[in-house]
Amino acid sequence: MDAPEDIQQFIGTIQSTWSAWETLIKQVLEERMTQPGAAGDWSLKDIIAHITWHEKEMVGLISAHALVGSELWNLPTDERNSAIYELVKDHPLEQVLAESEQVHQQLMDALPTLSNQDLTDPSSFPNMPPDLQPWMIIAQNTYEHYEDHMRDVQRWLEEGDSSQSSV
């Protein structure tokens, strides 16, 4: 993964990948969004809430201009993901979709506050490990995350299409 040329390119990458994610979501009927199986036992609603949690953490990181966030970051990935799922699993679909849009807008509003140097200089963010460039954390929790789950959802949709066509 290559470092972004500048903040505008980075924002563009996040926004274009988000647009692809939204386009994929819009292919799914609302009644299907709560059905398990989009990624393991998770529904599409669960995936959206999961991504929203990560984006919200990035809003906090950018706004505080420091490596801060939930205590859940101290857990191994699978445990953290399970804990996030437990936090959001009972939220209604409408709430999950609305929060997703709201948090993504907060992210897009926060990103332009970063300078080009902020993206690559760990010392711009207190508590950031010196070998970790800030853009990497943001990318892992935004566009790379969307892409990971887009593959899951696309596979799920294809499996659903093939099972429907064989009936």
Protein backbone atom coordinates (compact mmCIF):
# COMPACT_ATOMS: atom_id res chain seq x y z
CA MET A 1 0.00 0.00 0.00
CA ASP A 2 1.46 3.28 -1.12
CA ALA A 3 1.30 6.51 0.84
CA PRO A 4 -1.11 9.07 -0.59
CA GLU A 5 0.41 11.93 -2.56
CA ASP A 6 -1.51 14.49 -0.50
CA ILE A 7 -4.59 14.95 1.65
CA GLN A 8 -6.84 15.65 -1.35
CA GLN A 9 -5.89 12.39 -3.02
CA PHE A 10 -6.41 10.56 0.27
CA ILE A 11 -9.86 12.09 0.72
CA GLY A 12 -10.68 11.22 -2.89
CA THR A 13 -9.71 7.58 -2.33
CA ILE A 14 -11.88 7.36 0.77
CA GLN A 15 -14.82 9.03 -0.96
CA SER A 16 -14.65 6.97 -4.16
CA THR A 17 -14.41 3.71 -2.22
CA TRP A 18 -17.27 4.83 0.03
CA SER A 19 -19.36 5.54 -3.06
CA ALA A 20 -18.71 2.02 -4.32
CA TRP A 21 -19.67 0.66 -0.86
CA GLU A 22 -22.91 2.68 -0.90
CA THR A 23 -23.72 1.51 -4.41
CA LEU A 24 -23.32 -2.09 -3.30
CA ILE A 25 -25.51 -1.57 -0.22
CA LYS A 26 -28.25 -0.03 -2.34
CA GLN A 27 -28.48 -3.27 -4.32
CA VAL A 28 -29.80 -5.03 -1.22
CA LEU A 29 -33.49 -4.88 -0.30
CA GLU A 30 -34.01 -3.58 3.24
CA GLU A 31 -35.66 -6.80 4.39
CA ARG A 32 -32.55 -8.73 3.38
CA MET A 33 -30.16 -6.36 5.19
CA THR A 34 -30.95 -7.97 8.54
CA GLN A 35 -30.53 -11.57 7.38
CA PRO A 36 -27.40 -13.32 8.67
CA GLY A 37 -24.76 -14.61 6.29
CA ALA A 38 -23.29 -11.50 4.69
CA ALA A 39 -20.05 -12.19 6.57
CA GLY A 40 -20.22 -15.33 8.67
CA ASP A 41 -23.21 -14.90 10.98
CA TRP A 42 -23.30 -11.14 10.48
CA SER A 43 -26.00 -9.45 8.47
CA LEU A 44 -25.34 -6.51 6.18
CA LYS A 45 -26.77 -4.32 8.94
CA ASP A 46 -24.13 -5.71 11.31
CA ILE A 47 -21.36 -5.00 8.81
CA ILE A 48 -22.58 -1.43 8.30
CA ALA A 49 -22.66 -0.87 12.08
CA HIS A 50 -19.17 -2.40 12.35
CA ILE A 51 -17.76 -0.08 9.69
CA THR A 52 -19.51 2.88 11.32
CA TRP A 53 -17.85 2.09 14.65
CA HIS A 54 -14.43 2.15 12.98
CA GLU A 55 -15.16 5.37 11.13
CA LYS A 56 -16.33 6.99 14.36
CA GLU A 57 -13.01 6.02 15.94
CA MET A 58 -11.19 7.72 13.04
CA VAL A 59 -13.27 10.87 13.55
CA GLY A 60 -12.06 10.84 17.16
CA LEU A 61 -8.45 10.30 16.15
CA ILE A 62 -8.56 13.14 13.61
CA SER A 63 -10.49 15.52 15.87
CA ALA A 64 -8.21 14.93 18.87
CA HIS A 65 -5.16 14.89 16.60
CA ALA A 66 -3.90 12.10 18.83
CA LEU A 67 -3.91 8.32 18.96
CA VAL A 68 -6.97 8.04 21.19
CA GLY A 69 -10.05 5.88 21.14
CA SER A 70 -12.08 3.11 22.63
CA GLU A 71 -10.68 0.62 25.12
CA LEU A 72 -11.78 -2.02 22.60
CA TRP A 73 -8.61 -1.28 20.60
CA ASN A 74 -6.72 -3.09 23.37
CA LEU A 75 -8.43 -6.36 22.44
CA PRO A 76 -7.29 -8.76 19.73
CA THR A 77 -9.15 -8.14 16.46
CA ASP A 78 -11.64 -11.02 16.73
CA GLU A 79 -12.50 -10.14 20.32
CA ARG A 80 -12.86 -6.47 19.42
CA ASN A 81 -15.12 -7.32 16.49
CA SER A 82 -17.26 -9.53 18.76
CA ALA A 83 -17.51 -6.74 21.33
CA ILE A 84 -18.51 -4.22 18.65
CA TYR A 85 -21.14 -6.66 17.38
CA GLU A 86 -22.56 -7.03 20.91
CA LEU A 87 -22.75 -3.23 21.24
CA VAL A 88 -24.71 -2.72 18.02
CA LYS A 89 -26.52 -5.96 17.21
CA ASP A 90 -29.88 -4.81 18.59
CA HIS A 91 -29.88 -1.41 16.92
CA PRO A 92 -32.69 -1.12 14.38
CA LEU A 93 -31.74 -1.00 10.70
CA GLU A 94 -32.99 2.57 10.28
CA GLN A 95 -30.75 3.74 13.13
CA VAL A 96 -27.73 1.89 11.74
CA LEU A 97 -28.21 3.37 8.27
CA ALA A 98 -28.75 6.89 9.61
CA GLU A 99 -25.71 6.69 11.90
CA SER A 100 -23.60 5.36 9.05
CA GLU A 101 -24.41 8.40 6.91
CA GLN A 102 -23.94 10.81 9.82
CA VAL A 103 -20.60 9.39 10.95
CA HIS A 104 -19.28 9.21 7.39
CA GLN A 105 -20.14 12.88 6.92
CA GLN A 106 -18.33 13.69 10.17
CA LEU A 107 -15.31 11.81 8.84
CA MET A 108 -15.40 13.70 5.55
CA ASP A 109 -15.70 16.99 7.44
CA ALA A 110 -12.75 16.11 9.70
CA LEU A 111 -10.33 14.87 7.04
CA PRO A 112 -9.61 18.30 5.47
CA THR A 113 -8.32 19.49 8.85
CA LEU A 114 -5.29 17.24 8.31
CA SER A 115 -2.24 18.56 6.53
CA ASN A 116 -0.14 16.59 4.09
CA GLN A 117 2.50 16.29 6.82
CA ASP A 118 -0.09 14.95 9.28
CA LEU A 119 -0.69 11.97 7.01
CA THR A 120 2.90 10.76 7.10
CA ASP A 121 4.42 12.16 10.30
CA PRO A 122 3.69 10.03 13.38
CA SER A 123 4.92 12.83 15.63
CA SER A 124 1.90 14.89 14.48
CA PHE A 125 -0.25 12.59 16.66
CA PRO A 126 0.69 12.14 20.33
CA ASN A 127 1.00 8.47 21.33
CA MET A 128 1.42 7.34 17.71
CA PRO A 129 4.12 4.67 17.38
CA PRO A 130 7.04 6.19 15.44
CA ASP A 131 6.94 3.42 12.82
CA LEU A 132 3.23 3.92 12.02
CA GLN A 133 2.18 6.65 9.66
CA PRO A 134 -1.23 8.14 10.52
CA TRP A 135 -2.64 7.64 7.03
CA MET A 136 -2.16 3.89 7.44
CA ILE A 137 -4.47 3.72 10.47
CA ILE A 138 -7.08 5.86 8.75
CA ALA A 139 -6.86 3.82 5.53
CA GLN A 140 -7.20 0.52 7.41
CA ASN A 141 -10.35 1.80 9.09
CA THR A 142 -11.91 3.44 6.04
CA TYR A 143 -11.33 2.53 2.41
CA GLU A 144 -9.44 -0.71 3.04
CA HIS A 145 -12.17 -1.72 5.44
CA TYR A 146 -14.91 -0.89 2.91
CA GLU A 147 -13.10 -2.96 0.29
CA ASP A 148 -12.74 -5.95 2.65
CA HIS A 149 -16.44 -5.98 3.40
CA MET A 150 -17.44 -5.21 -0.18
CA ARG A 151 -15.90 -8.56 -1.12
CA ASP A 152 -17.94 -10.27 1.62
CA VAL A 153 -21.18 -8.63 0.55
CA GLN A 154 -20.57 -9.23 -3.15
CA ARG A 155 -19.96 -12.92 -2.47
CA TRP A 156 -23.11 -13.07 -0.33
CA LEU A 157 -25.16 -11.41 -3.04
CA GLU A 158 -23.81 -13.79 -5.68
CA GLU A 159 -24.57 -16.79 -3.47
CA GLY A 160 -28.11 -15.47 -2.96
CA ASP A 161 -28.57 -14.93 -6.70
CA SER A 162 -27.39 -18.45 -7.54
CA SER A 163 -29.64 -20.04 -4.91
CA GLN A 164 -32.63 -18.05 -6.16
CA SER A 165 -32.02 -18.96 -9.79
CA SER A 166 -31.85 -22.68 -9.01
CA VAL A 167 -35.29 -22.68 -7.39
